[in-house]
């Protein structure tokens, strides 16, 4: 085909979808956050890339009714900041400090395009954990493993020390993975990448039906790539 005449007025405006542009986000983009420059406004169901989590029904777990509620920055900042300053949490999340530190972390997601949604986990109606549900296939993590379309990732922390070390984490991880697979029919895998040093977290994912797929060097840590396959959901 002959090259186009540079003087012609006929042009083709091509708009690439955010899913494609995300694959070329800067390599130092924070994990689980929106890529810089893609901030159409506060995340809402009309452009949320993981679904309308606010409408997800509670899960009936052995520990009681559990549900995810999207974070409201003004309402929840003090609570999440307190959790981030717990030494056991700060060791791996590295967000200890003033409320502004946590606020920037939340705003990077809330002001993004909906590819990562920060949530509170409510057990019996009481906030007791923090979760990030994100599109792993649109995240910088996708550069470190063979991502598939619609892969959905999970970050979490259990807020209170009394709720740790008694198997509650694995119960809730399984519940959240099931919620994702129930409400995101296009998602075939739920993934996570805990720090390999966080042996309690790795063990919780294994007990929740995830498998250790690989180890990966990601910014700031060596991670255990954990995967829960839809096809094995009722077997593990």
C-alpha atoms as a PDB file:
ATOM      1  CA  UNK A   1       0.000   0.000   0.000  1.00  0.00           C
ATOM      2  CA  UNK A   2       1.346   3.416  -0.939  1.00  0.00           C
ATOM      3  CA  UNK A   3       2.145   5.752   1.973  1.00  0.00           C
ATOM      4  CA  UNK A   4      -0.494   8.344   2.755  1.00  0.00           C
ATOM      5  CA  UNK A   5       0.010  11.826   1.377  1.00  0.00           C
ATOM      6  CA  UNK A   6       1.169  13.911   4.366  1.00  0.00           C
ATOM      7  CA  UNK A   7      -0.714  16.871   2.942  1.00  0.00           C
ATOM      8  CA  UNK A   8      -4.111  15.236   2.886  1.00  0.00           C
ATOM      9  CA  UNK A   9      -6.849  16.346   5.258  1.00  0.00           C
ATOM     10  CA  UNK A  10      -8.166  12.804   5.694  1.00  0.00           C
ATOM     11  CA  UNK A  11      -7.129  11.538   9.120  1.00  0.00           C
ATOM     12  CA  UNK A  12      -8.133   8.674  11.351  1.00  0.00           C
ATOM     13  CA  UNK A  13      -8.552   9.377  15.048  1.00  0.00           C
ATOM     14  CA  UNK A  14      -7.840   6.164  16.914  1.00  0.00           C
ATOM     15  CA  UNK A  15      -8.791   5.974  20.593  1.00  0.00           C
ATOM     16  CA  UNK A  16      -7.196   3.074  22.387  1.00  0.00           C
ATOM     17  CA  UNK A  17      -9.137   1.427  25.219  1.00  0.00           C
ATOM     18  CA  UNK A  18      -7.771   1.803  28.772  1.00  0.00           C
ATOM     19  CA  UNK A  19      -7.146  -1.944  28.933  1.00  0.00           C
ATOM     20  CA  UNK A  20      -4.593  -1.585  26.127  1.00  0.00           C
ATOM     21  CA  UNK A  21      -3.002   1.593  27.474  1.00  0.00           C
ATOM     22  CA  UNK A  22      -2.589   0.003  30.905  1.00  0.00           C
ATOM     23  CA  UNK A  23      -0.177  -2.541  29.460  1.00  0.00           C
ATOM     24  CA  UNK A  24       2.248   0.318  28.766  1.00  0.00           C
ATOM     25  CA  UNK A  25       1.945   2.131  32.099  1.00  0.00           C
ATOM     26  CA  UNK A  26       5.251   3.267  33.632  1.00  0.00           C
ATOM     27  CA  UNK A  27       7.096   0.290  35.176  1.00  0.00           C
ATOM     28  CA  UNK A  28       7.281   2.007  38.574  1.00  0.00           C
ATOM     29  CA  UNK A  29       3.509   2.480  38.826  1.00  0.00           C
ATOM     30  CA  UNK A  30       2.411   1.360  42.308  1.00  0.00           C
ATOM     31  CA  UNK A  31       0.841  -2.045  42.586  1.00  0.00           C
ATOM     32  CA  UNK A  32      -2.926  -2.152  42.826  1.00  0.00           C
ATOM     33  CA  UNK A  33      -3.329   1.515  41.890  1.00  0.00           C
ATOM     34  CA  UNK A  34      -4.453   3.269  38.760  1.00  0.00           C
ATOM     35  CA  UNK A  35      -1.812   4.212  36.248  1.00  0.00           C
ATOM     36  CA  UNK A  36      -0.784   7.878  36.392  1.00  0.00           C
ATOM     37  CA  UNK A  37      -2.723  10.108  34.052  1.00  0.00           C
ATOM     38  CA  UNK A  38      -5.907   8.035  34.013  1.00  0.00           C
ATOM     39  CA  UNK A  39      -8.149   9.817  36.490  1.00  0.00           C
ATOM     40  CA  UNK A  40     -11.588  10.467  35.036  1.00  0.00           C
ATOM     41  CA  UNK A  41     -13.075  11.040  38.490  1.00  0.00           C
ATOM     42  CA  UNK A  42     -14.143   9.254  41.633  1.00  0.00           C
ATOM     43  CA  UNK A  43     -14.614   5.575  40.877  1.00  0.00           C
ATOM     44  CA  UNK A  44     -18.243   4.662  40.273  1.00  0.00           C
ATOM     45  CA  UNK A  45     -20.157   1.717  38.758  1.00  0.00           C
ATOM     46  CA  UNK A  46     -20.409   3.376  35.335  1.00  0.00           C
ATOM     47  CA  UNK A  47     -16.686   3.025  34.673  1.00  0.00           C
ATOM     48  CA  UNK A  48     -15.582   0.557  37.342  1.00  0.00           C
ATOM     49  CA  UNK A  49     -13.414  -2.146  35.814  1.00  0.00           C
ATOM     50  CA  UNK A  50     -13.958  -4.686  38.593  1.00  0.00           C
ATOM     51  CA  UNK A  51     -17.714  -4.334  39.019  1.00  0.00           C
ATOM     52  CA  UNK A  52     -20.100  -2.598  41.401  1.00  0.00           C
ATOM     53  CA  UNK A  53     -18.832  -4.080  44.653  1.00  0.00           C
ATOM     54  CA  UNK A  54     -21.343  -2.076  46.673  1.00  0.00           C
ATOM     55  CA  UNK A  55     -24.070  -4.279  45.204  1.00  0.00           C
ATOM     56  CA  UNK A  56     -22.379  -7.577  45.992  1.00  0.00           C
ATOM     57  CA  UNK A  57     -24.407  -9.613  48.473  1.00  0.00           C
ATOM     58  CA  UNK A  58     -22.846 -10.647  51.804  1.00  0.00           C
ATOM     59  CA  UNK A  59     -21.084 -13.997  51.981  1.00  0.00           C
ATOM     60  CA  UNK A  60     -22.204 -16.573  54.512  1.00  0.00           C
ATOM     61  CA  UNK A  61     -18.954 -17.810  56.070  1.00  0.00           C
ATOM     62  CA  UNK A  62     -18.189 -20.155  58.989  1.00  0.00           C
ATOM     63  CA  UNK A  63     -17.206 -17.012  60.923  1.00  0.00           C
ATOM     64  CA  UNK A  64     -20.494 -15.245  60.173  1.00  0.00           C
ATOM     65  CA  UNK A  65     -21.920 -12.922  57.522  1.00  0.00           C
ATOM     66  CA  UNK A  66     -19.191 -11.019  55.720  1.00  0.00           C
ATOM     67  CA  UNK A  67     -19.401  -8.306  53.100  1.00  0.00           C
ATOM     68  CA  UNK A  68     -17.193  -5.883  51.227  1.00  0.00           C
ATOM     69  CA  UNK A  69     -18.045  -2.171  51.383  1.00  0.00           C
ATOM     70  CA  UNK A  70     -16.146   0.296  49.184  1.00  0.00           C
ATOM     71  CA  UNK A  71     -14.106   2.754  51.231  1.00  0.00           C
ATOM     72  CA  UNK A  72     -15.389   6.262  51.816  1.00  0.00           C
ATOM     73  CA  UNK A  73     -12.218   8.291  52.318  1.00  0.00           C
ATOM     74  CA  UNK A  74     -13.743  10.819  54.730  1.00  0.00           C
ATOM     75  CA  UNK A  75     -15.600   8.226  56.786  1.00  0.00           C
ATOM     76  CA  UNK A  76     -12.919   5.518  56.878  1.00  0.00           C
ATOM     77  CA  UNK A  77      -9.573   7.330  56.779  1.00  0.00           C
ATOM     78  CA  UNK A  78      -8.946   7.283  60.536  1.00  0.00           C
ATOM     79  CA  UNK A  79      -9.771   3.581  60.810  1.00  0.00           C
ATOM     80  CA  UNK A  80      -7.572   2.502  57.905  1.00  0.00           C
ATOM     81  CA  UNK A  81      -4.750   4.795  59.073  1.00  0.00           C
ATOM     82  CA  UNK A  82      -4.809   3.129  62.479  1.00  0.00           C
ATOM     83  CA  UNK A  83      -4.477  -0.295  60.881  1.00  0.00           C
ATOM     84  CA  UNK A  84      -1.634   0.854  58.649  1.00  0.00           C
ATOM     85  CA  UNK A  85       0.283   2.001  61.724  1.00  0.00           C
ATOM     86  CA  UNK A  86       0.112  -1.393  63.406  1.00  0.00           C
ATOM     87  CA  UNK A  87       3.742  -2.646  63.245  1.00  0.00           C
ATOM     88  CA  UNK A  88       2.630  -6.083  61.995  1.00  0.00           C
ATOM     89  CA  UNK A  89       0.821  -4.412  59.083  1.00  0.00           C
ATOM     90  CA  UNK A  90       3.341  -1.645  58.424  1.00  0.00           C
ATOM     91  CA  UNK A  91       6.112  -4.202  57.930  1.00  0.00           C
ATOM     92  CA  UNK A  92       4.567  -5.279  54.637  1.00  0.00           C
ATOM     93  CA  UNK A  93       2.263  -2.414  53.580  1.00  0.00           C
ATOM     94  CA  UNK A  94       4.811   0.339  54.322  1.00  0.00           C
ATOM     95  CA  UNK A  95       2.101   2.989  54.792  1.00  0.00           C
ATOM     96  CA  UNK A  96       2.701   3.922  58.429  1.00  0.00           C
ATOM     97  CA  UNK A  97       2.563   7.621  59.206  1.00  0.00           C
ATOM     98  CA  UNK A  98       0.131  10.513  59.243  1.00  0.00           C
ATOM     99  CA  UNK A  99      -3.399  10.154  57.841  1.00  0.00           C
ATOM    100  CA  UNK A 100      -2.216  11.949  54.706  1.00  0.00           C
ATOM    101  CA  UNK A 101      -0.037   8.946  53.845  1.00  0.00           C
ATOM    102  CA  UNK A 102      -3.007   6.586  53.894  1.00  0.00           C
ATOM    103  CA  UNK A 103      -5.166   9.238  52.257  1.00  0.00           C
ATOM    104  CA  UNK A 104      -2.873   9.457  49.237  1.00  0.00           C
ATOM    105  CA  UNK A 105      -2.919   5.679  48.904  1.00  0.00           C
ATOM    106  CA  UNK A 106      -6.728   5.600  48.942  1.00  0.00           C
ATOM    107  CA  UNK A 107      -7.126   8.603  46.644  1.00  0.00           C
ATOM    108  CA  UNK A 108      -4.831   7.049  44.036  1.00  0.00           C
ATOM    109  CA  UNK A 109      -7.497   4.367  43.675  1.00  0.00           C
ATOM    110  CA  UNK A 110     -10.659   6.385  44.320  1.00  0.00           C
ATOM    111  CA  UNK A 111      -9.647   9.034  41.786  1.00  0.00           C
ATOM    112  CA  UNK A 112      -8.672   6.421  39.203  1.00  0.00           C
ATOM    113  CA  UNK A 113     -10.626   4.638  36.501  1.00  0.00           C
ATOM    114  CA  UNK A 114     -12.015   1.882  38.696  1.00  0.00           C
ATOM    115  CA  UNK A 115      -9.369  -0.739  38.080  1.00  0.00           C
ATOM    116  CA  UNK A 116      -8.668  -0.946  41.834  1.00  0.00           C
ATOM    117  CA  UNK A 117     -11.327  -0.578  44.523  1.00  0.00           C
ATOM    118  CA  UNK A 118     -10.374  -0.201  48.212  1.00  0.00           C
ATOM    119  CA  UNK A 119     -12.899  -1.820  50.540  1.00  0.00           C
ATOM    120  CA  UNK A 120     -13.614  -2.477  54.176  1.00  0.00           C
ATOM    121  CA  UNK A 121     -14.415  -6.038  55.153  1.00  0.00           C
ATOM    122  CA  UNK A 122     -17.345  -6.177  57.568  1.00  0.00           C
ATOM    123  CA  UNK A 123     -17.879  -9.261  59.714  1.00  0.00           C
ATOM    124  CA  UNK A 124     -21.249  -9.270  61.499  1.00  0.00           C
ATOM    125  CA  UNK A 125     -21.539  -5.654  60.315  1.00  0.00           C
ATOM    126  CA  UNK A 126     -18.300  -4.548  62.015  1.00  0.00           C
ATOM    127  CA  UNK A 127     -15.314  -3.275  59.955  1.00  0.00           C
ATOM    128  CA  UNK A 128     -12.376  -5.568  60.728  1.00  0.00           C
ATOM    129  CA  UNK A 129     -10.263  -5.791  57.562  1.00  0.00           C
ATOM    130  CA  UNK A 130      -9.112  -3.806  54.539  1.00  0.00           C
ATOM    131  CA  UNK A 131      -9.166  -5.146  50.974  1.00  0.00           C
ATOM    132  CA  UNK A 132      -8.160  -3.987  47.519  1.00  0.00           C
ATOM    133  CA  UNK A 133      -9.892  -5.706  44.620  1.00  0.00           C
ATOM    134  CA  UNK A 134      -8.057  -4.874  41.412  1.00  0.00           C
ATOM    135  CA  UNK A 135      -7.669  -5.854  37.774  1.00  0.00           C
ATOM    136  CA  UNK A 136      -4.401  -7.774  37.855  1.00  0.00           C
ATOM    137  CA  UNK A 137      -4.309  -7.945  34.058  1.00  0.00           C
ATOM    138  CA  UNK A 138      -4.259  -4.119  33.938  1.00  0.00           C
ATOM    139  CA  UNK A 139      -1.785  -3.737  36.803  1.00  0.00           C
ATOM    140  CA  UNK A 140       2.023  -3.528  36.583  1.00  0.00           C
ATOM    141  CA  UNK A 141       1.941  -6.992  38.174  1.00  0.00           C
ATOM    142  CA  UNK A 142       0.983  -8.327  34.728  1.00  0.00           C
ATOM    143  CA  UNK A 143       4.586  -7.773  33.612  1.00  0.00           C
ATOM    144  CA  UNK A 144       5.760 -10.382  36.097  1.00  0.00           C
ATOM    145  CA  UNK A 145       3.528 -13.341  35.266  1.00  0.00           C
ATOM    146  CA  UNK A 146       1.569 -14.655  32.245  1.00  0.00           C
ATOM    147  CA  UNK A 147      -1.570 -12.636  32.921  1.00  0.00           C
ATOM    148  CA  UNK A 148      -4.889 -13.537  31.362  1.00  0.00           C
ATOM    149  CA  UNK A 149      -7.746 -11.162  30.499  1.00  0.00           C
ATOM    150  CA  UNK A 150      -9.942 -10.325  33.481  1.00  0.00           C
ATOM    151  CA  UNK A 151      -7.511 -11.735  36.076  1.00  0.00           C
ATOM    152  CA  UNK A 152      -8.587 -10.129  39.346  1.00  0.00           C
ATOM    153  CA  UNK A 153      -6.200  -9.471  42.210  1.00  0.00           C
ATOM    154  CA  UNK A 154      -6.602  -9.229  45.970  1.00  0.00           C
ATOM    155  CA  UNK A 155      -4.645  -7.338  48.623  1.00  0.00           C
ATOM    156  CA  UNK A 156      -5.752  -7.513  52.250  1.00  0.00           C
ATOM    157  CA  UNK A 157      -4.943  -6.894  55.869  1.00  0.00           C
ATOM    158  CA  UNK A 158      -6.714  -8.030  59.006  1.00  0.00           C
ATOM    159  CA  UNK A 159      -7.145  -4.973  61.206  1.00  0.00           C
ATOM    160  CA  UNK A 160      -7.222  -6.227  64.776  1.00  0.00           C
ATOM    161  CA  UNK A 161      -4.563  -8.424  66.367  1.00  0.00           C
ATOM    162  CA  UNK A 162      -7.303 -10.504  68.012  1.00  0.00           C
ATOM    163  CA  UNK A 163      -8.548 -11.543  64.563  1.00  0.00           C
ATOM    164  CA  UNK A 164      -5.152 -12.819  63.427  1.00  0.00           C
ATOM    165  CA  UNK A 165      -3.585 -16.221  63.869  1.00  0.00           C
ATOM    166  CA  UNK A 166      -6.813 -18.225  64.227  1.00  0.00           C
ATOM    167  CA  UNK A 167      -7.630 -19.126  60.634  1.00  0.00           C
ATOM    168  CA  UNK A 168      -9.960 -16.210  60.007  1.00  0.00           C
ATOM    169  CA  UNK A 169      -7.787 -14.854  57.200  1.00  0.00           C
ATOM    170  CA  UNK A 170      -8.089 -17.983  55.066  1.00  0.00           C
ATOM    171  CA  UNK A 171     -11.857 -18.114  55.686  1.00  0.00           C
ATOM    172  CA  UNK A 172     -12.306 -14.547  54.459  1.00  0.00           C
ATOM    173  CA  UNK A 173      -9.883 -14.916  51.546  1.00  0.00           C
ATOM    174  CA  UNK A 174     -11.894 -17.872  50.296  1.00  0.00           C
ATOM    175  CA  UNK A 175     -15.117 -15.893  50.711  1.00  0.00           C
ATOM    176  CA  UNK A 176     -13.776 -12.901  48.792  1.00  0.00           C
ATOM    177  CA  UNK A 177     -12.398 -15.096  46.002  1.00  0.00           C
ATOM    178  CA  UNK A 178     -15.826 -16.733  45.712  1.00  0.00           C
ATOM    179  CA  UNK A 179     -17.507 -13.319  45.581  1.00  0.00           C
ATOM    180  CA  UNK A 180     -15.201 -12.245  42.768  1.00  0.00           C
ATOM    181  CA  UNK A 181     -15.861 -15.405  40.744  1.00  0.00           C
ATOM    182  CA  UNK A 182     -19.613 -15.141  41.331  1.00  0.00           C
ATOM    183  CA  UNK A 183     -19.897 -11.501  40.294  1.00  0.00           C
ATOM    184  CA  UNK A 184     -17.237 -11.401  37.565  1.00  0.00           C
ATOM    185  CA  UNK A 185     -18.184 -14.186  35.121  1.00  0.00           C
ATOM    186  CA  UNK A 186     -15.374 -13.207  32.752  1.00  0.00           C
ATOM    187  CA  UNK A 187     -12.756 -13.761  35.443  1.00  0.00           C
ATOM    188  CA  UNK A 188     -11.230 -17.251  35.396  1.00  0.00           C
ATOM    189  CA  UNK A 189      -8.563 -16.637  38.065  1.00  0.00           C
ATOM    190  CA  UNK A 190      -8.171 -14.714  41.291  1.00  0.00           C
ATOM    191  CA  UNK A 191      -4.542 -13.839  41.986  1.00  0.00           C
ATOM    192  CA  UNK A 192      -2.472 -12.469  44.846  1.00  0.00           C
ATOM    193  CA  UNK A 193       1.196 -11.635  45.357  1.00  0.00           C
ATOM    194  CA  UNK A 194       2.033 -11.606  49.083  1.00  0.00           C
ATOM    195  CA  UNK A 195       5.584 -11.016  50.209  1.00  0.00           C
ATOM    196  CA  UNK A 196       7.390 -14.343  50.523  1.00  0.00           C
ATOM    197  CA  UNK A 197       8.565 -13.264  53.973  1.00  0.00           C
ATOM    198  CA  UNK A 198       4.946 -13.020  55.094  1.00  0.00           C
ATOM    199  CA  UNK A 199       4.608 -16.731  55.727  1.00  0.00           C
ATOM    200  CA  UNK A 200       1.296 -16.312  57.571  1.00  0.00           C
ATOM    201  CA  UNK A 201      -0.243 -14.636  54.522  1.00  0.00           C
ATOM    202  CA  UNK A 202       1.114 -17.251  52.117  1.00  0.00           C
ATOM    203  CA  UNK A 203      -0.251 -20.026  54.341  1.00  0.00           C
ATOM    204  CA  UNK A 204      -3.651 -18.308  54.509  1.00  0.00           C
ATOM    205  CA  UNK A 205      -3.913 -18.175  50.718  1.00  0.00           C
ATOM    206  CA  UNK A 206      -2.937 -21.836  50.437  1.00  0.00           C
ATOM    207  CA  UNK A 207      -5.584 -22.787  53.013  1.00  0.00           C
ATOM    208  CA  UNK A 208      -8.123 -20.721  51.037  1.00  0.00           C
ATOM    209  CA  UNK A 209      -7.713 -22.863  47.912  1.00  0.00           C
ATOM    210  CA  UNK A 210      -5.009 -20.886  46.133  1.00  0.00           C
ATOM    211  CA  UNK A 211      -1.956 -22.569  44.643  1.00  0.00           C
ATOM    212  CA  UNK A 212       1.589 -21.265  44.583  1.00  0.00           C
ATOM    213  CA  UNK A 213       2.232 -20.655  40.896  1.00  0.00           C
ATOM    214  CA  UNK A 214       5.670 -19.045  41.003  1.00  0.00           C
ATOM    215  CA  UNK A 215       7.975 -16.641  42.766  1.00  0.00           C
ATOM    216  CA  UNK A 216       8.409 -13.210  41.225  1.00  0.00           C
ATOM    217  CA  UNK A 217      10.665 -10.224  41.841  1.00  0.00           C
ATOM    218  CA  UNK A 218       8.364  -7.210  41.908  1.00  0.00           C
ATOM    219  CA  UNK A 219       9.231  -3.684  43.063  1.00  0.00           C
ATOM    220  CA  UNK A 220      10.074  -3.763  46.751  1.00  0.00           C
ATOM    221  CA  UNK A 221       9.747  -7.483  47.401  1.00  0.00           C
ATOM    222  CA  UNK A 222      10.025 -11.044  46.246  1.00  0.00           C
ATOM    223  CA  UNK A 223       6.454 -12.212  45.917  1.00  0.00           C
ATOM    224  CA  UNK A 224       4.663 -15.516  46.019  1.00  0.00           C
ATOM    225  CA  UNK A 225       2.298 -15.577  43.050  1.00  0.00           C
ATOM    226  CA  UNK A 226      -0.870 -17.223  44.332  1.00  0.00           C
ATOM    227  CA  UNK A 227      -3.692 -18.264  41.975  1.00  0.00           C
ATOM    228  CA  UNK A 228      -7.174 -19.626  42.551  1.00  0.00           C
ATOM    229  CA  UNK A 229      -8.627 -21.096  39.379  1.00  0.00           C
ATOM    230  CA  UNK A 230     -12.340 -21.008  38.676  1.00  0.00           C
ATOM    231  CA  UNK A 231     -12.095 -24.544  37.284  1.00  0.00           C
ATOM    232  CA  UNK A 232     -10.723 -25.816  40.614  1.00  0.00           C
ATOM    233  CA  UNK A 233     -12.975 -23.695  42.800  1.00  0.00           C
ATOM    234  CA  UNK A 234     -15.024 -26.595  44.160  1.00  0.00           C
ATOM    235  CA  UNK A 235     -12.060 -28.950  44.483  1.00  0.00           C
ATOM    236  CA  UNK A 236      -9.649 -26.900  46.598  1.00  0.00           C
END
